[in-house]
Amino acid sequence: MKDMPEGKYAWTVTVGEKGQFVIPKQARELFGIRPGDTLLLLGDEEKGLALPRKAALSALMEYIFGENGGEQA
């Protein structure tokens, strides 16, 4: 595999019979994923899947559901 651009990573995982897979150790360490953390599974039929940490979307959630209900002042 060619060297990845800085800050970009790729791993492979195998999906088991129950639909589960293990996040590689290097990825868990790099992104600070710990047992009990909550991840979101986002899907787009054209672009694929993404697994951001729940905390990564907190600013967006605050904007949508925050004090002003997402309305621009």
PDB file of N, CA and C in Angstrom:
ATOM      1  N   MET A   1       0.845  -1.175   0.000  1.00  0.00           N
ATOM      2  CA  MET A   1       0.000   0.000   0.000  1.00  0.00           C
ATOM      3  C   MET A   1       0.889   1.237   0.000  1.00  0.00           C
ATOM      4  N   LYS A   2       0.517   2.223  -0.789  1.00  0.00           N
ATOM      5  CA  LYS A   2       1.261   3.474  -0.820  1.00  0.00           C
ATOM      6  C   LYS A   2       1.116   4.187   0.507  1.00  0.00           C
ATOM      7  N   ASP A   3       2.067   5.098   0.787  1.00  0.00           N
ATOM      8  CA  ASP A   3       1.943   5.911   1.989  1.00  0.00           C
ATOM      9  C   ASP A   3       0.695   6.763   1.876  1.00  0.00           C
ATOM     10  N   MET A   4      -0.019   6.849   2.986  1.00  0.00           N
ATOM     11  CA  MET A   4      -1.244   7.644   3.021  1.00  0.00           C
ATOM     12  C   MET A   4      -0.869   9.107   3.228  1.00  0.00           C
ATOM     13  N   PRO A   5      -1.689  10.028   2.723  1.00  0.00           N
ATOM     14  CA  PRO A   5      -1.448  11.442   2.989  1.00  0.00           C
ATOM     15  C   PRO A   5      -1.488  11.694   4.500  1.00  0.00           C
ATOM     16  N   GLU A   6      -0.771  12.694   4.947  1.00  0.00           N
ATOM     17  CA  GLU A   6      -0.716  12.996   6.370  1.00  0.00           C
ATOM     18  C   GLU A   6      -2.120  13.192   6.951  1.00  0.00           C
ATOM     19  N   GLY A   7      -2.355  12.528   8.074  1.00  0.00           N
ATOM     20  CA  GLY A   7      -3.645  12.639   8.738  1.00  0.00           C
ATOM     21  C   GLY A   7      -4.728  11.748   8.168  1.00  0.00           C
ATOM     22  N   LYS A   8      -4.416  10.963   7.149  1.00  0.00           N
ATOM     23  CA  LYS A   8      -5.393  10.045   6.527  1.00  0.00           C
ATOM     24  C   LYS A   8      -4.981   8.615   6.846  1.00  0.00           C
ATOM     25  N   TYR A   9      -5.957   7.764   7.129  1.00  0.00           N
ATOM     26  CA  TYR A   9      -5.683   6.384   7.528  1.00  0.00           C
ATOM     27  C   TYR A   9      -6.677   5.451   6.862  1.00  0.00           C
ATOM     28  N   ALA A  10      -6.278   4.204   6.734  1.00  0.00           N
ATOM     29  CA  ALA A  10      -7.181   3.184   6.197  1.00  0.00           C
ATOM     30  C   ALA A  10      -6.879   1.868   6.905  1.00  0.00           C
ATOM     31  N   TRP A  11      -7.915   1.180   7.303  1.00  0.00           N
ATOM     32  CA  TRP A  11      -7.791  -0.136   7.917  1.00  0.00           C
ATOM     33  C   TRP A  11      -8.830  -1.037   7.273  1.00  0.00           C
ATOM     34  N   THR A  12      -8.650  -2.324   7.418  1.00  0.00           N
ATOM     35  CA  THR A  12      -9.684  -3.260   6.993  1.00  0.00           C
ATOM     36  C   THR A  12     -10.237  -3.963   8.227  1.00  0.00           C
ATOM     37  N   VAL A  13     -11.501  -4.316   8.171  1.00  0.00           N
ATOM     38  CA  VAL A  13     -12.147  -5.078   9.235  1.00  0.00           C
ATOM     39  C   VAL A  13     -12.982  -6.161   8.579  1.00  0.00           C
ATOM     40  N   THR A  14     -13.235  -7.208   9.327  1.00  0.00           N
ATOM     41  CA  THR A  14     -14.083  -8.293   8.856  1.00  0.00           C
ATOM     42  C   THR A  14     -15.384  -8.271   9.649  1.00  0.00           C
ATOM     43  N   VAL A  15     -16.495  -8.331   8.954  1.00  0.00           N
ATOM     44  CA  VAL A  15     -17.802  -8.346   9.598  1.00  0.00           C
ATOM     45  C   VAL A  15     -18.157  -9.797   9.903  1.00  0.00           C
ATOM     46  N   GLY A  16     -18.493 -10.053  11.167  1.00  0.00           N
ATOM     47  CA  GLY A  16     -18.846 -11.396  11.602  1.00  0.00           C
ATOM     48  C   GLY A  16     -20.299 -11.719  11.288  1.00  0.00           C
ATOM     49  N   GLU A  17     -20.709 -12.930  11.637  1.00  0.00           N
ATOM     50  CA  GLU A  17     -22.065 -13.403  11.352  1.00  0.00           C
ATOM     51  C   GLU A  17     -23.144 -12.548  11.997  1.00  0.00           C
ATOM     52  N   LYS A  18     -22.847 -11.936  13.139  1.00  0.00           N
ATOM     53  CA  LYS A  18     -23.810 -11.090  13.840  1.00  0.00           C
ATOM     54  C   LYS A  18     -23.739  -9.634  13.384  1.00  0.00           C
ATOM     55  N   GLY A  19     -22.953  -9.352  12.355  1.00  0.00           N
ATOM     56  CA  GLY A  19     -22.830  -7.990  11.854  1.00  0.00           C
ATOM     57  C   GLY A  19     -21.847  -7.142  12.640  1.00  0.00           C
ATOM     58  N   GLN A  20     -21.068  -7.754  13.507  1.00  0.00           N
ATOM     59  CA  GLN A  20     -20.123  -7.029  14.340  1.00  0.00           C
ATOM     60  C   GLN A  20     -18.741  -7.014  13.708  1.00  0.00           C
ATOM     61  N   PHE A  21     -17.975  -5.972  14.044  1.00  0.00           N
ATOM     62  CA  PHE A  21     -16.574  -5.938  13.653  1.00  0.00           C
ATOM     63  C   PHE A  21     -15.778  -5.259  14.755  1.00  0.00           C
ATOM     64  N   VAL A  22     -14.481  -5.492  14.758  1.00  0.00           N
ATOM     65  CA  VAL A  22     -13.586  -4.924  15.751  1.00  0.00           C
ATOM     66  C   VAL A  22     -12.878  -3.728  15.133  1.00  0.00           C
ATOM     67  N   ILE A  23     -12.901  -2.598  15.842  1.00  0.00           N
ATOM     68  CA  ILE A  23     -12.148  -1.427  15.402  1.00  0.00           C
ATOM     69  C   ILE A  23     -10.681  -1.723  15.717  1.00  0.00           C
ATOM     70  N   PRO A  24      -9.798  -1.625  14.728  1.00  0.00           N
ATOM     71  CA  PRO A  24      -8.389  -1.952  14.967  1.00  0.00           C
ATOM     72  C   PRO A  24      -7.790  -1.139  16.123  1.00  0.00           C
ATOM     73  N   LYS A  25      -6.887  -1.774  16.872  1.00  0.00           N
ATOM     74  CA  LYS A  25      -6.274  -1.156  18.045  1.00  0.00           C
ATOM     75  C   LYS A  25      -5.646   0.194  17.703  1.00  0.00           C
ATOM     76  N   GLN A  26      -4.914   0.267  16.599  1.00  0.00           N
ATOM     77  CA  GLN A  26      -4.271   1.521  16.216  1.00  0.00           C
ATOM     78  C   GLN A  26      -5.310   2.634  16.039  1.00  0.00           C
ATOM     79  N   ALA A  27      -6.442   2.320  15.440  1.00  0.00           N
ATOM     80  CA  ALA A  27      -7.503   3.307  15.240  1.00  0.00           C
ATOM     81  C   ALA A  27      -8.112   3.720  16.581  1.00  0.00           C
ATOM     82  N   ARG A  28      -8.353   2.751  17.464  1.00  0.00           N
ATOM     83  CA  ARG A  28      -8.911   3.079  18.789  1.00  0.00           C
ATOM     84  C   ARG A  28      -7.971   3.985  19.563  1.00  0.00           C
ATOM     85  N   GLU A  29      -6.685   3.677  19.527  1.00  0.00           N
ATOM     86  CA  GLU A  29      -5.707   4.504  20.235  1.00  0.00           C
ATOM     87  C   GLU A  29      -5.609   5.894  19.617  1.00  0.00           C
ATOM     88  N   LEU A  30      -5.543   5.973  18.308  1.00  0.00           N
ATOM     89  CA  LEU A  30      -5.389   7.240  17.605  1.00  0.00           C
ATOM     90  C   LEU A  30      -6.561   8.176  17.879  1.00  0.00           C
ATOM     91  N   PHE A  31      -7.776   7.626  17.921  1.00  0.00           N
ATOM     92  CA  PHE A  31      -8.968   8.445  18.077  1.00  0.00           C
ATOM     93  C   PHE A  31      -9.544   8.402  19.489  1.00  0.00           C
ATOM     94  N   GLY A  32      -8.824   7.783  20.425  1.00  0.00           N
ATOM     95  CA  GLY A  32      -9.239   7.783  21.821  1.00  0.00           C
ATOM     96  C   GLY A  32     -10.542   7.060  22.074  1.00  0.00           C
ATOM     97  N   ILE A  33     -10.802   5.999  21.341  1.00  0.00           N
ATOM     98  CA  ILE A  33     -12.028   5.220  21.520  1.00  0.00           C
ATOM     99  C   ILE A  33     -11.796   4.199  22.619  1.00  0.00           C
ATOM    100  N   ARG A  34     -12.665   4.237  23.623  1.00  0.00           N
ATOM    101  CA  ARG A  34     -12.525   3.379  24.797  1.00  0.00           C
ATOM    102  C   ARG A  34     -13.767   2.497  24.943  1.00  0.00           C
ATOM    103  N   PRO A  35     -13.626   1.373  25.656  1.00  0.00           N
ATOM    104  CA  PRO A  35     -14.807   0.537  25.907  1.00  0.00           C
ATOM    105  C   PRO A  35     -15.914   1.372  26.550  1.00  0.00           C
ATOM    106  N   GLY A  36     -17.130   1.186  26.073  1.00  0.00           N
ATOM    107  CA  GLY A  36     -18.275   1.920  26.594  1.00  0.00           C
ATOM    108  C   GLY A  36     -18.567   3.212  25.848  1.00  0.00           C
ATOM    109  N   ASP A  37     -17.631   3.678  24.996  1.00  0.00           N
ATOM    110  CA  ASP A  37     -17.891   4.875  24.192  1.00  0.00           C
ATOM    111  C   ASP A  37     -19.043   4.622  23.234  1.00  0.00           C
ATOM    112  N   THR A  38     -19.759   5.671  22.895  1.00  0.00           N
ATOM    113  CA  THR A  38     -20.846   5.574  21.932  1.00  0.00           C
ATOM    114  C   THR A  38     -20.395   6.160  20.616  1.00  0.00           C
ATOM    115  N   LEU A  39     -20.573   5.419  19.547  1.00  0.00           N
ATOM    116  CA  LEU A  39     -20.273   5.883  18.197  1.00  0.00           C
ATOM    117  C   LEU A  39     -21.581   5.969  17.426  1.00  0.00           C
ATOM    118  N   LEU A  40     -21.630   6.852  16.458  1.00  0.00           N
ATOM    119  CA  LEU A  40     -22.791   6.953  15.581  1.00  0.00           C
ATOM    120  C   LEU A  40     -22.458   6.258  14.271  1.00  0.00           C
ATOM    121  N   LEU A  41     -23.404   5.558  13.722  1.00  0.00           N
ATOM    122  CA  LEU A  41     -23.234   4.955  12.412  1.00  0.00           C
ATOM    123  C   LEU A  41     -24.053   5.780  11.437  1.00  0.00           C
ATOM    124  N   LEU A  42     -23.361   6.515  10.576  1.00  0.00           N
ATOM    125  CA  LEU A  42     -24.020   7.350   9.576  1.00  0.00           C
ATOM    126  C   LEU A  42     -23.867   6.683   8.222  1.00  0.00           C
ATOM    127  N   GLY A  43     -24.913   6.727   7.412  1.00  0.00           N
ATOM    128  CA  GLY A  43     -24.848   6.092   6.105  1.00  0.00           C
ATOM    129  C   GLY A  43     -25.392   6.976   5.005  1.00  0.00           C
ATOM    130  N   ASP A  44     -24.751   6.914   3.877  1.00  0.00           N
ATOM    131  CA  ASP A  44     -25.184   7.605   2.668  1.00  0.00           C
ATOM    132  C   ASP A  44     -25.050   6.586   1.546  1.00  0.00           C
ATOM    133  N   GLU A  45     -26.131   6.318   0.830  1.00  0.00           N
ATOM    134  CA  GLU A  45     -26.104   5.274  -0.200  1.00  0.00           C
ATOM    135  C   GLU A  45     -25.050   5.519  -1.263  1.00  0.00           C
ATOM    136  N   GLU A  46     -24.687   6.764  -1.521  1.00  0.00           N
ATOM    137  CA  GLU A  46     -23.673   7.065  -2.533  1.00  0.00           C
ATOM    138  C   GLU A  46     -22.272   7.170  -1.948  1.00  0.00           C
ATOM    139  N   LYS A  47     -22.156   7.722  -0.736  1.00  0.00           N
ATOM    140  CA  LYS A  47     -20.837   7.988  -0.160  1.00  0.00           C
ATOM    141  C   LYS A  47     -20.349   6.905   0.791  1.00  0.00           C
ATOM    142  N   GLY A  48     -21.238   6.085   1.340  1.00  0.00           N
ATOM    143  CA  GLY A  48     -20.818   5.014   2.225  1.00  0.00           C
ATOM    144  C   GLY A  48     -21.134   5.286   3.679  1.00  0.00           C
ATOM    145  N   LEU A  49     -20.352   4.652   4.559  1.00  0.00           N
ATOM    146  CA  LEU A  49     -20.585   4.720   5.996  1.00  0.00           C
ATOM    147  C   LEU A  49     -19.529   5.573   6.687  1.00  0.00           C
ATOM    148  N   ALA A  50     -19.898   6.151   7.820  1.00  0.00           N
ATOM    149  CA  ALA A  50     -18.962   6.878   8.673  1.00  0.00           C
ATOM    150  C   ALA A  50     -19.292   6.528  10.116  1.00  0.00           C
ATOM    151  N   LEU A  51     -18.274   6.471  10.959  1.00  0.00           N
ATOM    152  CA  LEU A  51     -18.446   6.135  12.371  1.00  0.00           C
ATOM    153  C   LEU A  51     -17.843   7.223  13.259  1.00  0.00           C
ATOM    154  N   PRO A  52     -18.426   8.403  13.288  1.00  0.00           N
ATOM    155  CA  PRO A  52     -17.872   9.430  14.168  1.00  0.00           C
ATOM    156  C   PRO A  52     -18.221   9.155  15.626  1.00  0.00           C
ATOM    157  N   ARG A  53     -17.366   9.640  16.534  1.00  0.00           N
ATOM    158  CA  ARG A  53     -17.696   9.555  17.962  1.00  0.00           C
ATOM    159  C   ARG A  53     -18.892  10.451  18.211  1.00  0.00           C
ATOM    160  N   LYS A  54     -19.724  10.058  19.119  1.00  0.00           N
ATOM    161  CA  LYS A  54     -20.909  10.834  19.455  1.00  0.00           C
ATOM    162  C   LYS A  54     -20.522  12.262  19.846  1.00  0.00           C
ATOM    163  N   ALA A  55     -19.446  12.421  20.588  1.00  0.00           N
ATOM    164  CA  ALA A  55     -19.005  13.741  21.039  1.00  0.00           C
ATOM    165  C   ALA A  55     -18.597  14.640  19.873  1.00  0.00           C
ATOM    166  N   ALA A  56     -18.199  14.065  18.756  1.00  0.00           N
ATOM    167  CA  ALA A  56     -17.765  14.863  17.606  1.00  0.00           C
ATOM    168  C   ALA A  56     -18.916  15.656  17.012  1.00  0.00           C
ATOM    169  N   LEU A  57     -20.127  15.243  17.281  1.00  0.00           N
ATOM    170  CA  LEU A  57     -21.285  15.932  16.730  1.00  0.00           C
ATOM    171  C   LEU A  57     -21.964  16.854  17.739  1.00  0.00           C
ATOM    172  N   SER A  58     -21.347  17.052  18.888  1.00  0.00           N
ATOM    173  CA  SER A  58     -21.995  17.851  19.931  1.00  0.00           C
ATOM    174  C   SER A  58     -22.251  19.291  19.487  1.00  0.00           C
ATOM    175  N   ALA A  59     -21.326  19.894  18.745  1.00  0.00           N
ATOM    176  CA  ALA A  59     -21.537  21.275  18.286  1.00  0.00           C
ATOM    177  C   ALA A  59     -22.729  21.353  17.341  1.00  0.00           C
ATOM    178  N   LEU A  60     -22.858  20.391  16.454  1.00  0.00           N
ATOM    179  CA  LEU A  60     -23.988  20.366  15.542  1.00  0.00           C
ATOM    180  C   LEU A  60     -25.294  20.174  16.311  1.00  0.00           C
ATOM    181  N   MET A  61     -25.289  19.271  17.266  1.00  0.00           N
ATOM    182  CA  MET A  61     -26.486  19.034  18.063  1.00  0.00           C
ATOM    183  C   MET A  61     -26.853  20.285  18.862  1.00  0.00           C
ATOM    184  N   GLU A  62     -25.872  20.970  19.391  1.00  0.00           N
ATOM    185  CA  GLU A  62     -26.136  22.199  20.137  1.00  0.00           C
ATOM    186  C   GLU A  62     -26.754  23.244  19.219  1.00  0.00           C
ATOM    187  N   TYR A  63     -26.257  23.325  17.999  1.00  0.00           N
ATOM    188  CA  TYR A  63     -26.803  24.282  17.034  1.00  0.00           C
ATOM    189  C   TYR A  63     -28.265  23.955  16.716  1.00  0.00           C
ATOM    190  N   ILE A  64     -28.530  22.672  16.489  1.00  0.00           N
ATOM    191  CA  ILE A  64     -29.885  22.259  16.106  1.00  0.00           C
ATOM    192  C   ILE A  64     -30.854  22.331  17.281  1.00  0.00           C
ATOM    193  N   PHE A  65     -30.441  21.811  18.428  1.00  0.00           N
ATOM    194  CA  PHE A  65     -31.351  21.681  19.558  1.00  0.00           C
ATOM    195  C   PHE A  65     -31.043  22.629  20.711  1.00  0.00           C
ATOM    196  N   GLY A  66     -30.085  23.524  20.505  1.00  0.00           N
ATOM    197  CA  GLY A  66     -29.650  24.415  21.576  1.00  0.00           C
ATOM    198  C   GLY A  66     -30.675  25.463  21.963  1.00  0.00           C
ATOM    199  N   GLU A  67     -30.185  26.428  22.708  1.00  0.00           N
ATOM    200  CA  GLU A  67     -31.024  27.467  23.272  1.00  0.00           C
ATOM    201  C   GLU A  67     -31.939  28.147  22.269  1.00  0.00           C
ATOM    202  N   ASN A  68     -31.404  28.443  21.079  1.00  0.00           N
ATOM    203  CA  ASN A  68     -32.215  29.162  20.088  1.00  0.00           C
ATOM    204  C   ASN A  68     -32.929  28.222  19.123  1.00  0.00           C
ATOM    205  N   GLY A  69     -32.875  26.921  19.379  1.00  0.00           N
ATOM    206  CA  GLY A  69     -33.586  25.968  18.537  1.00  0.00           C
ATOM    207  C   GLY A  69     -33.073  25.914  17.115  1.00  0.00           C
ATOM    208  N   GLY A  70     -31.828  26.376  16.893  1.00  0.00           N
ATOM    209  CA  GLY A  70     -31.229  26.340  15.569  1.00  0.00           C
ATOM    210  C   GLY A  70     -31.565  27.542  14.720  1.00  0.00           C
ATOM    211  N   GLU A  71     -32.329  28.491  15.261  1.00  0.00           N
ATOM    212  CA  GLU A  71     -32.679  29.676  14.488  1.00  0.00           C
ATOM    213  C   GLU A  71     -31.555  30.670  14.498  1.00  0.00           C
ATOM    214  N   GLN A  72     -31.342  31.316  13.371  1.00  0.00           N
ATOM    215  CA  GLN A  72     -30.339  32.350  13.262  1.00  0.00           C
ATOM    216  C   GLN A  72     -30.828  33.601  13.976  1.00  0.00           C
ATOM    217  N   ALA A  73     -29.928  34.266  14.692  1.00  0.00           N
ATOM    218  CA  ALA A  73     -30.319  35.511  15.401  1.00  0.00           C
ATOM    219  C   ALA A  73     -30.412  36.666  14.451  1.00  0.00           C
TER     220      ALA A  73
END
